[in-house]
PDB file of N, CA and C in Angstrom:
ATOM      1  N   MET A   1     -29.579  31.198  26.136  1.00  0.00           N
ATOM      2  CA  MET A   1     -30.768  30.688  26.654  1.00  0.00           C
ATOM      3  C   MET A   1     -31.916  30.265  25.696  1.00  0.00           C
ATOM      4  N   ALA A   2     -31.799  31.146  24.455  1.00  0.00           N
ATOM      5  CA  ALA A   2     -32.744  30.884  23.379  1.00  0.00           C
ATOM      6  C   ALA A   2     -32.291  29.549  22.733  1.00  0.00           C
ATOM      7  N   GLU A   3     -31.035  29.227  22.617  1.00  0.00           N
ATOM      8  CA  GLU A   3     -30.623  28.056  21.902  1.00  0.00           C
ATOM      9  C   GLU A   3     -30.973  26.832  22.854  1.00  0.00           C
ATOM     10  N   HIS A   4     -30.892  26.908  24.224  1.00  0.00           N
ATOM     11  CA  HIS A   4     -31.344  25.822  24.933  1.00  0.00           C
ATOM     12  C   HIS A   4     -32.635  25.482  24.868  1.00  0.00           C
ATOM     13  N   ALA A   5     -33.484  26.618  24.659  1.00  0.00           N
ATOM     14  CA  ALA A   5     -35.002  26.409  24.471  1.00  0.00           C
ATOM     15  C   ALA A   5     -35.369  25.706  23.231  1.00  0.00           C
ATOM     16  N   THR A   6     -34.570  26.211  22.129  1.00  0.00           N
ATOM     17  CA  THR A   6     -34.824  25.794  20.821  1.00  0.00           C
ATOM     18  C   THR A   6     -34.444  24.132  20.656  1.00  0.00           C
ATOM     19  N   ALA A   7     -33.340  23.813  21.364  1.00  0.00           N
ATOM     20  CA  ALA A   7     -32.811  22.477  21.362  1.00  0.00           C
ATOM     21  C   ALA A   7     -33.909  21.618  21.996  1.00  0.00           C
ATOM     22  N   HIS A   8     -34.584  22.008  23.147  1.00  0.00           N
ATOM     23  CA  HIS A   8     -35.628  21.264  23.717  1.00  0.00           C
ATOM     24  C   HIS A   8     -36.857  21.267  22.956  1.00  0.00           C
ATOM     25  N   ALA A   9     -37.215  22.279  22.285  1.00  0.00           N
ATOM     26  CA  ALA A   9     -38.318  22.376  21.422  1.00  0.00           C
ATOM     27  C   ALA A   9     -38.267  21.300  20.178  1.00  0.00           C
ATOM     28  N   HIS A  10     -37.018  21.067  19.826  1.00  0.00           N
ATOM     29  CA  HIS A  10     -36.886  20.179  18.707  1.00  0.00           C
ATOM     30  C   HIS A  10     -36.496  18.753  19.143  1.00  0.00           C
ATOM     31  N   GLY A  11     -36.666  18.550  20.442  1.00  0.00           N
ATOM     32  CA  GLY A  11     -36.452  17.186  21.044  1.00  0.00           C
ATOM     33  C   GLY A  11     -34.975  16.787  21.256  1.00  0.00           C
ATOM     34  N   GLU A  12     -34.105  17.692  21.084  1.00  0.00           N
ATOM     35  CA  GLU A  12     -32.696  17.297  21.117  1.00  0.00           C
ATOM     36  C   GLU A  12     -32.219  17.452  22.565  1.00  0.00           C
ATOM     37  N   THR A  13     -31.700  16.448  23.089  1.00  0.00           N
ATOM     38  CA  THR A  13     -31.061  16.537  24.530  1.00  0.00           C
ATOM     39  C   THR A  13     -29.656  16.005  24.353  1.00  0.00           C
ATOM     40  N   HIS A  14     -28.900  16.456  25.295  1.00  0.00           N
ATOM     41  CA  HIS A  14     -27.460  16.095  25.393  1.00  0.00           C
ATOM     42  C   HIS A  14     -27.260  15.374  26.703  1.00  0.00           C
ATOM     43  N   HIS A  15     -28.202  14.849  27.321  1.00  0.00           N
ATOM     44  CA  HIS A  15     -28.042  14.179  28.559  1.00  0.00           C
ATOM     45  C   HIS A  15     -27.612  12.782  28.166  1.00  0.00           C
ATOM     46  N   THR A  16     -26.600  12.269  28.942  1.00  0.00           N
ATOM     47  CA  THR A  16     -26.101  10.878  28.617  1.00  0.00           C
ATOM     48  C   THR A  16     -26.461  10.106  29.804  1.00  0.00           C
ATOM     49  N   ASN A  17     -27.193   8.930  29.696  1.00  0.00           N
ATOM     50  CA  ASN A  17     -27.536   8.047  30.726  1.00  0.00           C
ATOM     51  C   ASN A  17     -26.353   7.115  31.038  1.00  0.00           C
ATOM     52  N   TYR A  18     -25.494   7.395  31.877  1.00  0.00           N
ATOM     53  CA  TYR A  18     -24.311   6.638  32.265  1.00  0.00           C
ATOM     54  C   TYR A  18     -24.752   5.254  32.784  1.00  0.00           C
ATOM     55  N   VAL A  19     -25.847   5.220  33.628  1.00  0.00           N
ATOM     56  CA  VAL A  19     -26.144   4.046  34.207  1.00  0.00           C
ATOM     57  C   VAL A  19     -26.545   2.950  33.058  1.00  0.00           C
ATOM     58  N   LYS A  20     -27.363   3.443  32.084  1.00  0.00           N
ATOM     59  CA  LYS A  20     -27.705   2.599  30.933  1.00  0.00           C
ATOM     60  C   LYS A  20     -26.448   2.119  30.151  1.00  0.00           C
ATOM     61  N   ILE A  21     -25.499   2.995  29.858  1.00  0.00           N
ATOM     62  CA  ILE A  21     -24.353   2.610  29.175  1.00  0.00           C
ATOM     63  C   ILE A  21     -23.512   1.570  30.070  1.00  0.00           C
ATOM     64  N   TRP A  22     -23.424   1.843  31.356  1.00  0.00           N
ATOM     65  CA  TRP A  22     -22.722   0.946  32.154  1.00  0.00           C
ATOM     66  C   TRP A  22     -23.384  -0.562  32.209  1.00  0.00           C
ATOM     67  N   ALA A  23     -24.810  -0.504  32.161  1.00  0.00           N
ATOM     68  CA  ALA A  23     -25.507  -1.823  32.086  1.00  0.00           C
ATOM     69  C   ALA A  23     -25.236  -2.550  30.610  1.00  0.00           C
ATOM     70  N   ILE A  24     -25.229  -1.703  29.665  1.00  0.00           N
ATOM     71  CA  ILE A  24     -24.788  -2.256  28.405  1.00  0.00           C
ATOM     72  C   ILE A  24     -23.400  -2.788  28.428  1.00  0.00           C
ATOM     73  N   LEU A  25     -22.470  -2.197  28.969  1.00  0.00           N
ATOM     74  CA  LEU A  25     -21.114  -2.649  29.080  1.00  0.00           C
ATOM     75  C   LEU A  25     -20.967  -4.003  29.920  1.00  0.00           C
ATOM     76  N   LEU A  26     -21.779  -4.140  30.969  1.00  0.00           N
ATOM     77  CA  LEU A  26     -21.920  -5.303  31.797  1.00  0.00           C
ATOM     78  C   LEU A  26     -22.418  -6.486  30.942  1.00  0.00           C
ATOM     79  N   VAL A  27     -23.493  -6.220  30.125  1.00  0.00           N
ATOM     80  CA  VAL A  27     -24.049  -7.198  29.359  1.00  0.00           C
ATOM     81  C   VAL A  27     -23.040  -7.772  28.438  1.00  0.00           C
ATOM     82  N   LEU A  28     -22.275  -6.767  27.698  1.00  0.00           N
ATOM     83  CA  LEU A  28     -21.219  -7.127  26.720  1.00  0.00           C
ATOM     84  C   LEU A  28     -20.078  -7.913  27.554  1.00  0.00           C
ATOM     85  N   LEU A  29     -19.767  -7.602  28.764  1.00  0.00           N
ATOM     86  CA  LEU A  29     -18.788  -8.384  29.492  1.00  0.00           C
ATOM     87  C   LEU A  29     -19.255  -9.860  29.700  1.00  0.00           C
ATOM     88  N   VAL A  30     -20.626 -10.019  29.963  1.00  0.00           N
ATOM     89  CA  VAL A  30     -21.008 -11.361  30.147  1.00  0.00           C
ATOM     90  C   VAL A  30     -21.102 -12.118  28.859  1.00  0.00           C
ATOM     91  N   VAL A  31     -21.344 -11.420  27.741  1.00  0.00           N
ATOM     92  CA  VAL A  31     -21.209 -12.033  26.485  1.00  0.00           C
ATOM     93  C   VAL A  31     -19.831 -12.491  26.064  1.00  0.00           C
ATOM     94  N   SER A  32     -18.875 -11.729  26.408  1.00  0.00           N
ATOM     95  CA  SER A  32     -17.520 -11.912  26.104  1.00  0.00           C
ATOM     96  C   SER A  32     -16.938 -13.085  27.131  1.00  0.00           C
ATOM     97  N   VAL A  33     -17.576 -13.240  28.262  1.00  0.00           N
ATOM     98  CA  VAL A  33     -17.171 -14.310  29.096  1.00  0.00           C
ATOM     99  C   VAL A  33     -17.875 -15.623  28.683  1.00  0.00           C
ATOM    100  N   VAL A  34     -19.117 -15.605  28.397  1.00  0.00           N
ATOM    101  CA  VAL A  34     -19.774 -16.827  28.098  1.00  0.00           C
ATOM    102  C   VAL A  34     -19.555 -17.355  26.703  1.00  0.00           C
ATOM    103  N   GLY A  35     -19.339 -16.511  25.810  1.00  0.00           N
ATOM    104  CA  GLY A  35     -18.984 -16.867  24.328  1.00  0.00           C
ATOM    105  C   GLY A  35     -17.951 -18.094  24.186  1.00  0.00           C
ATOM    106  N   PRO A  36     -16.836 -17.931  24.769  1.00  0.00           N
ATOM    107  CA  PRO A  36     -15.766 -18.932  24.597  1.00  0.00           C
ATOM    108  C   PRO A  36     -16.218 -20.256  25.281  1.00  0.00           C
ATOM    109  N   GLU A  37     -17.201 -20.230  26.199  1.00  0.00           N
ATOM    110  CA  GLU A  37     -17.546 -21.539  26.747  1.00  0.00           C
ATOM    111  C   GLU A  37     -18.231 -22.539  25.687  1.00  0.00           C
ATOM    112  N   PHE A  38     -18.792 -21.999  24.594  1.00  0.00           N
ATOM    113  CA  PHE A  38     -19.366 -22.784  23.695  1.00  0.00           C
ATOM    114  C   PHE A  38     -18.248 -23.763  22.993  1.00  0.00           C
ATOM    115  N   GLY A  39     -17.063 -23.413  23.000  1.00  0.00           N
ATOM    116  CA  GLY A  39     -15.994 -24.056  22.306  1.00  0.00           C
ATOM    117  C   GLY A  39     -16.061 -23.953  20.848  1.00  0.00           C
ATOM    118  N   ILE A  40     -16.722 -23.099  20.385  1.00  0.00           N
ATOM    119  CA  ILE A  40     -16.677 -22.823  18.848  1.00  0.00           C
ATOM    120  C   ILE A  40     -15.795 -21.754  18.598  1.00  0.00           C
ATOM    121  N   ARG A  41     -14.701 -21.978  17.702  1.00  0.00           N
ATOM    122  CA  ARG A  41     -13.607 -20.894  17.466  1.00  0.00           C
ATOM    123  C   ARG A  41     -14.254 -19.652  16.934  1.00  0.00           C
ATOM    124  N   THR A  42     -15.053 -19.688  15.970  1.00  0.00           N
ATOM    125  CA  THR A  42     -15.750 -18.523  15.435  1.00  0.00           C
ATOM    126  C   THR A  42     -16.481 -17.596  16.466  1.00  0.00           C
ATOM    127  N   VAL A  43     -17.335 -18.328  17.298  1.00  0.00           N
ATOM    128  CA  VAL A  43     -17.954 -17.659  18.346  1.00  0.00           C
ATOM    129  C   VAL A  43     -17.080 -16.956  19.161  1.00  0.00           C
ATOM    130  N   THR A  44     -16.055 -17.776  19.605  1.00  0.00           N
ATOM    131  CA  THR A  44     -15.024 -17.258  20.496  1.00  0.00           C
ATOM    132  C   THR A  44     -14.256 -15.847  20.019  1.00  0.00           C
ATOM    133  N   LEU A  45     -14.089 -16.044  18.775  1.00  0.00           N
ATOM    134  CA  LEU A  45     -13.280 -14.827  18.090  1.00  0.00           C
ATOM    135  C   LEU A  45     -14.300 -13.571  17.983  1.00  0.00           C
ATOM    136  N   ILE A  46     -15.455 -13.819  17.652  1.00  0.00           N
ATOM    137  CA  ILE A  46     -16.417 -12.798  17.674  1.00  0.00           C
ATOM    138  C   ILE A  46     -16.805 -12.172  18.959  1.00  0.00           C
ATOM    139  N   THR A  47     -16.752 -13.061  19.938  1.00  0.00           N
ATOM    140  CA  THR A  47     -17.275 -12.471  21.318  1.00  0.00           C
ATOM    141  C   THR A  47     -15.949 -11.804  21.851  1.00  0.00           C
ATOM    142  N   ALA A  48     -14.786 -12.347  21.587  1.00  0.00           N
ATOM    143  CA  ALA A  48     -13.657 -11.746  22.279  1.00  0.00           C
ATOM    144  C   ALA A  48     -13.335 -10.456  21.519  1.00  0.00           C
ATOM    145  N   PHE A  49     -13.021 -10.372  20.223  1.00  0.00           N
ATOM    146  CA  PHE A  49     -12.677  -9.162  19.515  1.00  0.00           C
ATOM    147  C   PHE A  49     -13.763  -8.158  19.240  1.00  0.00           C
ATOM    148  N   GLY A  50     -14.837  -8.733  18.811  1.00  0.00           N
ATOM    149  CA  GLY A  50     -16.085  -7.923  18.296  1.00  0.00           C
ATOM    150  C   GLY A  50     -16.517  -7.175  19.625  1.00  0.00           C
ATOM    151  N   VAL A  51     -16.868  -7.874  20.744  1.00  0.00           N
ATOM    152  CA  VAL A  51     -17.260  -7.176  21.797  1.00  0.00           C
ATOM    153  C   VAL A  51     -16.152  -6.255  22.510  1.00  0.00           C
ATOM    154  N   ALA A  52     -14.980  -6.690  22.359  1.00  0.00           N
ATOM    155  CA  ALA A  52     -13.991  -5.795  22.900  1.00  0.00           C
ATOM    156  C   ALA A  52     -13.759  -4.488  22.052  1.00  0.00           C
ATOM    157  N   ILE A  53     -14.041  -4.633  20.736  1.00  0.00           N
ATOM    158  CA  ILE A  53     -14.154  -3.356  19.930  1.00  0.00           C
ATOM    159  C   ILE A  53     -15.291  -2.357  20.225  1.00  0.00           C
ATOM    160  N   VAL A  54     -16.452  -2.972  20.408  1.00  0.00           N
ATOM    161  CA  VAL A  54     -17.778  -2.212  20.852  1.00  0.00           C
ATOM    162  C   VAL A  54     -17.367  -1.697  22.114  1.00  0.00           C
ATOM    163  N   LYS A  55     -17.012  -2.296  23.098  1.00  0.00           N
ATOM    164  CA  LYS A  55     -16.712  -1.804  24.493  1.00  0.00           C
ATOM    165  C   LYS A  55     -15.886  -0.688  24.431  1.00  0.00           C
ATOM    166  N   ALA A  56     -14.798  -0.820  23.668  1.00  0.00           N
ATOM    167  CA  ALA A  56     -13.659   0.181  23.624  1.00  0.00           C
ATOM    168  C   ALA A  56     -14.385   1.482  23.040  1.00  0.00           C
ATOM    169  N   TRP A  57     -15.074   1.361  21.967  1.00  0.00           N
ATOM    170  CA  TRP A  57     -15.814   2.426  21.320  1.00  0.00           C
ATOM    171  C   TRP A  57     -16.621   3.175  22.363  1.00  0.00           C
ATOM    172  N   MET A  58     -17.562   2.320  22.922  1.00  0.00           N
ATOM    173  CA  MET A  58     -18.396   2.948  23.798  1.00  0.00           C
ATOM    174  C   MET A  58     -17.705   3.746  24.932  1.00  0.00           C
ATOM    175  N   VAL A  59     -16.592   3.225  25.569  1.00  0.00           N
ATOM    176  CA  VAL A  59     -15.907   3.960  26.657  1.00  0.00           C
ATOM    177  C   VAL A  59     -15.250   5.300  26.101  1.00  0.00           C
ATOM    178  N   ALA A  60     -14.553   5.001  24.818  1.00  0.00           N
ATOM    179  CA  ALA A  60     -14.002   6.328  24.363  1.00  0.00           C
ATOM    180  C   ALA A  60     -15.078   7.427  23.945  1.00  0.00           C
ATOM    181  N   HIS A  61     -16.225   6.930  23.354  1.00  0.00           N
ATOM    182  CA  HIS A  61     -17.331   7.844  22.944  1.00  0.00           C
ATOM    183  C   HIS A  61     -18.003   8.421  24.137  1.00  0.00           C
ATOM    184  N   TYR A  62     -18.486   7.667  25.161  1.00  0.00           N
ATOM    185  CA  TYR A  62     -19.354   8.314  26.267  1.00  0.00           C
ATOM    186  C   TYR A  62     -18.511   8.712  27.447  1.00  0.00           C
ATOM    187  N   PHE A  63     -17.584   7.881  27.893  1.00  0.00           N
ATOM    188  CA  PHE A  63     -16.898   8.286  29.232  1.00  0.00           C
ATOM    189  C   PHE A  63     -15.606   9.158  28.882  1.00  0.00           C
ATOM    190  N   MET A  64     -14.977   9.027  27.821  1.00  0.00           N
ATOM    191  CA  MET A  64     -13.751   9.913  27.558  1.00  0.00           C
ATOM    192  C   MET A  64     -14.135  11.007  26.712  1.00  0.00           C
ATOM    193  N   HIS A  65     -15.383  11.101  26.284  1.00  0.00           N
ATOM    194  CA  HIS A  65     -16.057  12.277  25.576  1.00  0.00           C
ATOM    195  C   HIS A  65     -15.178  12.578  24.226  1.00  0.00           C
ATOM    196  N   LEU A  66     -14.844  11.580  23.565  1.00  0.00           N
ATOM    197  CA  LEU A  66     -14.103  11.896  22.311  1.00  0.00           C
ATOM    198  C   LEU A  66     -14.943  12.281  21.166  1.00  0.00           C
ATOM    199  N   ASN A  67     -16.210  12.075  21.300  1.00  0.00           N
ATOM    200  CA  ASN A  67     -17.134  12.613  20.381  1.00  0.00           C
ATOM    201  C   ASN A  67     -17.306  14.112  20.367  1.00  0.00           C
ATOM    202  N   ILE A  68     -16.914  14.843  21.432  1.00  0.00           N
ATOM    203  CA  ILE A  68     -16.956  16.256  21.315  1.00  0.00           C
ATOM    204  C   ILE A  68     -15.632  16.899  21.331  1.00  0.00           C
ATOM    205  N   GLU A  69     -14.664  16.152  21.224  1.00  0.00           N
ATOM    206  CA  GLU A  69     -13.181  16.807  21.175  1.00  0.00           C
ATOM    207  C   GLU A  69     -12.980  17.281  19.727  1.00  0.00           C
ATOM    208  N   LYS A  70     -11.952  18.149  19.704  1.00  0.00           N
ATOM    209  CA  LYS A  70     -11.532  18.680  18.390  1.00  0.00           C
ATOM    210  C   LYS A  70     -11.077  17.443  17.550  1.00  0.00           C
ATOM    211  N   LYS A  71     -11.064  17.763  16.179  1.00  0.00           N
ATOM    212  CA  LYS A  71     -10.799  16.795  15.270  1.00  0.00           C
ATOM    213  C   LYS A  71      -9.505  16.283  15.244  1.00  0.00           C
ATOM    214  N   TRP A  72      -8.565  17.096  15.823  1.00  0.00           N
ATOM    215  CA  TRP A  72      -7.085  16.593  15.844  1.00  0.00           C
ATOM    216  C   TRP A  72      -6.802  15.451  16.710  1.00  0.00           C
ATOM    217  N   VAL A  73      -7.823  15.236  17.798  1.00  0.00           N
ATOM    218  CA  VAL A  73      -7.649  14.298  18.541  1.00  0.00           C
ATOM    219  C   VAL A  73      -7.927  12.907  17.922  1.00  0.00           C
ATOM    220  N   VAL A  74      -8.829  12.857  16.933  1.00  0.00           N
ATOM    221  CA  VAL A  74      -9.210  11.726  16.089  1.00  0.00           C
ATOM    222  C   VAL A  74      -7.809  11.350  15.285  1.00  0.00           C
ATOM    223  N   TYR A  75      -7.178  12.441  14.650  1.00  0.00           N
ATOM    224  CA  TYR A  75      -6.016  12.239  13.908  1.00  0.00           C
ATOM    225  C   TYR A  75      -4.834  11.550  14.883  1.00  0.00           C
ATOM    226  N   ILE A  76      -4.709  12.106  16.107  1.00  0.00           N
ATOM    227  CA  ILE A  76      -3.847  11.377  16.862  1.00  0.00           C
ATOM    228  C   ILE A  76      -4.042  10.026  17.215  1.00  0.00           C
ATOM    229  N   MET A  77      -5.340   9.678  17.468  1.00  0.00           N
ATOM    230  CA  MET A  77      -5.706   8.339  17.649  1.00  0.00           C
ATOM    231  C   MET A  77      -5.438   7.270  16.473  1.00  0.00           C
ATOM    232  N   VAL A  78      -5.759   7.858  15.272  1.00  0.00           N
ATOM    233  CA  VAL A  78      -5.325   7.094  14.152  1.00  0.00           C
ATOM    234  C   VAL A  78      -3.905   6.920  13.997  1.00  0.00           C
ATOM    235  N   ILE A  79      -3.221   7.669  14.267  1.00  0.00           N
ATOM    236  CA  ILE A  79      -1.716   7.674  14.057  1.00  0.00           C
ATOM    237  C   ILE A  79      -1.321   6.715  15.152  1.00  0.00           C
ATOM    238  N   MET A  80      -1.865   6.776  16.301  1.00  0.00           N
ATOM    239  CA  MET A  80      -1.405   5.648  17.432  1.00  0.00           C
ATOM    240  C   MET A  80      -1.808   4.296  17.039  1.00  0.00           C
ATOM    241  N   LEU A  81      -3.009   4.273  16.406  1.00  0.00           N
ATOM    242  CA  LEU A  81      -3.488   2.831  16.004  1.00  0.00           C
ATOM    243  C   LEU A  81      -2.554   2.349  14.869  1.00  0.00           C
ATOM    244  N   ALA A  82      -2.017   3.211  13.846  1.00  0.00           N
ATOM    245  CA  ALA A  82      -1.182   2.817  12.816  1.00  0.00           C
ATOM    246  C   ALA A  82       0.194   2.327  13.333  1.00  0.00           C
ATOM    247  N   PHE A  83       0.699   2.962  14.379  1.00  0.00           N
ATOM    248  CA  PHE A  83       1.938   2.603  15.133  1.00  0.00           C
ATOM    249  C   PHE A  83       1.760   1.325  15.758  1.00  0.00           C
ATOM    250  N   MET A  84       0.549   0.981  16.412  1.00  0.00           N
ATOM    251  CA  MET A  84       0.215  -0.268  17.039  1.00  0.00           C
ATOM    252  C   MET A  84       0.280  -1.341  16.039  1.00  0.00           C
ATOM    253  N   LEU A  85      -0.410  -1.026  14.911  1.00  0.00           N
ATOM    254  CA  LEU A  85      -0.409  -2.200  13.889  1.00  0.00           C
ATOM    255  C   LEU A  85       0.930  -2.368  13.370  1.00  0.00           C
ATOM    256  N   ALA A  86       1.728  -1.371  13.108  1.00  0.00           N
ATOM    257  CA  ALA A  86       3.040  -1.614  12.647  1.00  0.00           C
ATOM    258  C   ALA A  86       3.881  -2.515  13.592  1.00  0.00           C
ATOM    259  N   MET A  87       3.591  -2.084  15.005  1.00  0.00           N
ATOM    260  CA  MET A  87       4.463  -2.941  15.909  1.00  0.00           C
ATOM    261  C   MET A  87       4.091  -4.370  15.907  1.00  0.00           C
ATOM    262  N   VAL A  88       2.791  -4.580  15.863  1.00  0.00           N
ATOM    263  CA  VAL A  88       2.329  -5.966  15.763  1.00  0.00           C
ATOM    264  C   VAL A  88       2.821  -6.667  14.540  1.00  0.00           C
ATOM    265  N   GLY A  89       2.613  -5.950  13.425  1.00  0.00           N
ATOM    266  CA  GLY A  89       3.145  -6.489  12.132  1.00  0.00           C
ATOM    267  C   GLY A  89       4.622  -6.833  12.162  1.00  0.00           C
ATOM    268  N   GLY A  90       5.395  -6.028  12.879  1.00  0.00           N
ATOM    269  CA  GLY A  90       6.750  -6.100  12.923  1.00  0.00           C
ATOM    270  C   GLY A  90       7.287  -7.329  13.791  1.00  0.00           C
ATOM    271  N   ILE A  91       6.630  -7.432  14.955  1.00  0.00           N
ATOM    272  CA  ILE A  91       6.912  -8.386  15.951  1.00  0.00           C
ATOM    273  C   ILE A  91       6.328  -9.798  15.693  1.00  0.00           C
ATOM    274  N   SER A  92       5.230  -9.803  15.068  1.00  0.00           N
ATOM    275  CA  SER A  92       4.543 -11.189  14.917  1.00  0.00           C
ATOM    276  C   SER A  92       5.314 -12.256  14.101  1.00  0.00           C
ATOM    277  N   PRO A  93       6.005 -11.819  12.912  1.00  0.00           N
ATOM    278  CA  PRO A  93       6.647 -12.748  12.357  1.00  0.00           C
ATOM    279  C   PRO A  93       7.848 -13.581  13.235  1.00  0.00           C
ATOM    280  N   ASP A  94       8.359 -12.795  14.133  1.00  0.00           N
ATOM    281  CA  ASP A  94       9.316 -13.541  15.196  1.00  0.00           C
ATOM    282  C   ASP A  94       8.638 -14.408  16.150  1.00  0.00           C
ATOM    283  N   VAL A  95       7.613 -13.910  16.753  1.00  0.00           N
ATOM    284  CA  VAL A  95       6.890 -14.555  17.725  1.00  0.00           C
ATOM    285  C   VAL A  95       6.120 -15.818  17.219  1.00  0.00           C
ATOM    286  N   LEU A  96       5.608 -15.705  16.027  1.00  0.00           N
ATOM    287  CA  LEU A  96       4.819 -16.799  15.542  1.00  0.00           C
ATOM    288  C   LEU A  96       5.728 -17.820  14.804  1.00  0.00           C
ATOM    289  N   LYS A  97       6.919 -17.524  14.502  1.00  0.00           N
ATOM    290  CA  LYS A  97       7.746 -18.491  13.894  1.00  0.00           C
ATOM    291  C   LYS A  97       8.040 -19.761  14.761  1.00  0.00           C
ATOM    292  N   HIS A  98       7.922 -20.862  14.228  1.00  0.00           N
ATOM    293  CA  HIS A  98       7.896 -22.243  15.004  1.00  0.00           C
ATOM    294  C   HIS A  98       9.218 -22.959  14.736  1.00  0.00           C
ATOM    295  N   ASP A  99       9.916 -22.615  13.684  1.00  0.00           N
ATOM    296  CA  ASP A  99      11.074 -23.386  13.473  1.00  0.00           C
ATOM    297  C   ASP A  99      12.089 -22.539  12.636  1.00  0.00           C
ATOM    298  N   GLY A 100      13.323 -22.970  12.376  1.00  0.00           N
ATOM    299  CA  GLY A 100      14.300 -22.217  11.701  1.00  0.00           C
ATOM    300  C   GLY A 100      15.657 -22.404  12.186  1.00  0.00           C
ATOM    301  N   HIS A 101      16.764 -21.842  11.641  1.00  0.00           N
ATOM    302  CA  HIS A 101      18.023 -22.051  12.049  1.00  0.00           C
ATOM    303  C   HIS A 101      18.195 -21.242  13.409  1.00  0.00           C
ATOM    304  N   ASN A 102      18.726 -21.858  14.402  1.00  0.00           N
ATOM    305  CA  ASN A 102      19.020 -21.345  15.835  1.00  0.00           C
ATOM    306  C   ASN A 102      17.731 -20.889  16.439  1.00  0.00           C
ATOM    307  N   TRP A 103      16.609 -21.426  16.117  1.00  0.00           N
ATOM    308  CA  TRP A 103      15.319 -21.211  16.823  1.00  0.00           C
ATOM    309  C   TRP A 103      15.131 -22.089  17.917  1.00  0.00           C
ATOM    310  N   GLU A 104      14.945 -21.504  19.122  1.00  0.00           N
ATOM    311  CA  GLU A 104      14.669 -22.498  20.055  1.00  0.00           C
ATOM    312  C   GLU A 104      13.590 -21.801  21.067  1.00  0.00           C
ATOM    313  N   LYS A 105      12.392 -22.701  21.171  1.00  0.00           N
ATOM    314  CA  LYS A 105      11.307 -22.193  22.068  1.00  0.00           C
ATOM    315  C   LYS A 105      11.638 -22.472  23.298  1.00  0.00           C
ATOM    316  N   LEU A 106      11.776 -21.442  24.251  1.00  0.00           N
ATOM    317  CA  LEU A 106      12.164 -21.574  25.702  1.00  0.00           C
ATOM    318  C   LEU A 106      11.161 -22.131  26.442  1.00  0.00           C
ATOM    319  N   TRP A 107       9.837 -22.207  25.946  1.00  0.00           N
ATOM    320  CA  TRP A 107       8.769 -22.691  26.746  1.00  0.00           C
ATOM    321  C   TRP A 107       8.558 -24.192  26.598  1.00  0.00           C
ATOM    322  N   GLU A 108       9.213 -24.783  25.610  1.00  0.00           N
ATOM    323  CA  GLU A 108       9.100 -26.236  25.453  1.00  0.00           C
ATOM    324  C   GLU A 108      10.416 -26.929  25.637  1.00  0.00           C
ATOM    325  N   GLU A 109      10.420 -28.117  25.953  1.00  0.00           N
ATOM    326  CA  GLU A 109      11.620 -28.949  26.237  1.00  0.00           C
ATOM    327  C   GLU A 109      12.168 -29.177  24.804  1.00  0.00           C
ATOM    328  N   PRO A 110      13.629 -29.103  24.735  1.00  0.00           N
ATOM    329  CA  PRO A 110      14.327 -29.504  23.537  1.00  0.00           C
ATOM    330  C   PRO A 110      14.122 -30.870  23.106  1.00  0.00           C
ATOM    331  N   ALA A 111      13.855 -31.181  21.728  1.00  0.00           N
ATOM    332  CA  ALA A 111      13.840 -32.595  21.304  1.00  0.00           C
ATOM    333  C   ALA A 111      15.081 -33.336  21.720  1.00  0.00           C
ATOM    334  N   PRO A 112      15.032 -34.687  22.028  1.00  0.00           N
ATOM    335  CA  PRO A 112      16.282 -35.506  22.301  1.00  0.00           C
ATOM    336  C   PRO A 112      17.264 -35.250  21.285  1.00  0.00           C
ATOM    337  N   GLY A 113      18.519 -35.112  21.593  1.00  0.00           N
ATOM    338  CA  GLY A 113      19.567 -34.972  20.545  1.00  0.00           C
ATOM    339  C   GLY A 113      19.663 -33.527  19.853  1.00  0.00           C
ATOM    340  N   ALA A 114      18.690 -32.677  20.258  1.00  0.00           N
ATOM    341  CA  ALA A 114      18.785 -31.296  19.464  1.00  0.00           C
ATOM    342  C   ALA A 114      19.668 -30.291  20.163  1.00  0.00           C
ATOM    343  N   GLY A 115      20.349 -30.756  21.028  1.00  0.00           N
ATOM    344  CA  GLY A 115      21.365 -29.780  21.729  1.00  0.00           C
ATOM    345  C   GLY A 115      20.481 -29.088  22.806  1.00  0.00           C
ATOM    346  N   GLY A 116      21.068 -27.792  23.078  1.00  0.00           N
ATOM    347  CA  GLY A 116      20.517 -27.003  24.026  1.00  0.00           C
ATOM    348  C   GLY A 116      21.127 -27.197  25.447  1.00  0.00           C
ATOM    349  N   GLY A 117      22.164 -28.010  25.536  1.00  0.00           N
ATOM    350  CA  GLY A 117      22.733 -28.094  26.782  1.00  0.00           C
ATOM    351  C   GLY A 117      21.931 -28.797  27.958  1.00  0.00           C
ATOM    352  N   ALA A 118      22.632 -28.959  29.038  1.00  0.00           N
ATOM    353  CA  ALA A 118      21.940 -29.787  30.198  1.00  0.00           C
ATOM    354  C   ALA A 118      21.116 -28.763  30.978  1.00  0.00           C
ATOM    355  N   HIS A 119      19.962 -29.134  31.288  1.00  0.00           N
ATOM    356  CA  HIS A 119      19.063 -28.285  32.176  1.00  0.00           C
ATOM    357  C   HIS A 119      19.118 -28.734  33.636  1.00  0.00           C
TER     358      HIS A 119
END
């Protein structure tokens, strides 16, 4: 009880205003939707990825309460992120490749005389 009174005496509160956080997330949603409408690639990338990172951090921090979890939770999240980056790094060379021996883009029509059989 004394700790509670001391915390209030120093102006420390642990109350989270979830409605305010929800409103901020809604504003960020509007920014991420309106940003690409300008047609500027840099603005689109910043609003898409930058806002997504901020929103993900806010959700993890305030709604998932990762700020008060034990430190090993942070280590697990870092390891998971490293695995995700390794997967993207391993898959992207195949997905982003546009030409090569026996490479066929199934979403495009083959060039005339390029083979590929009758469709």
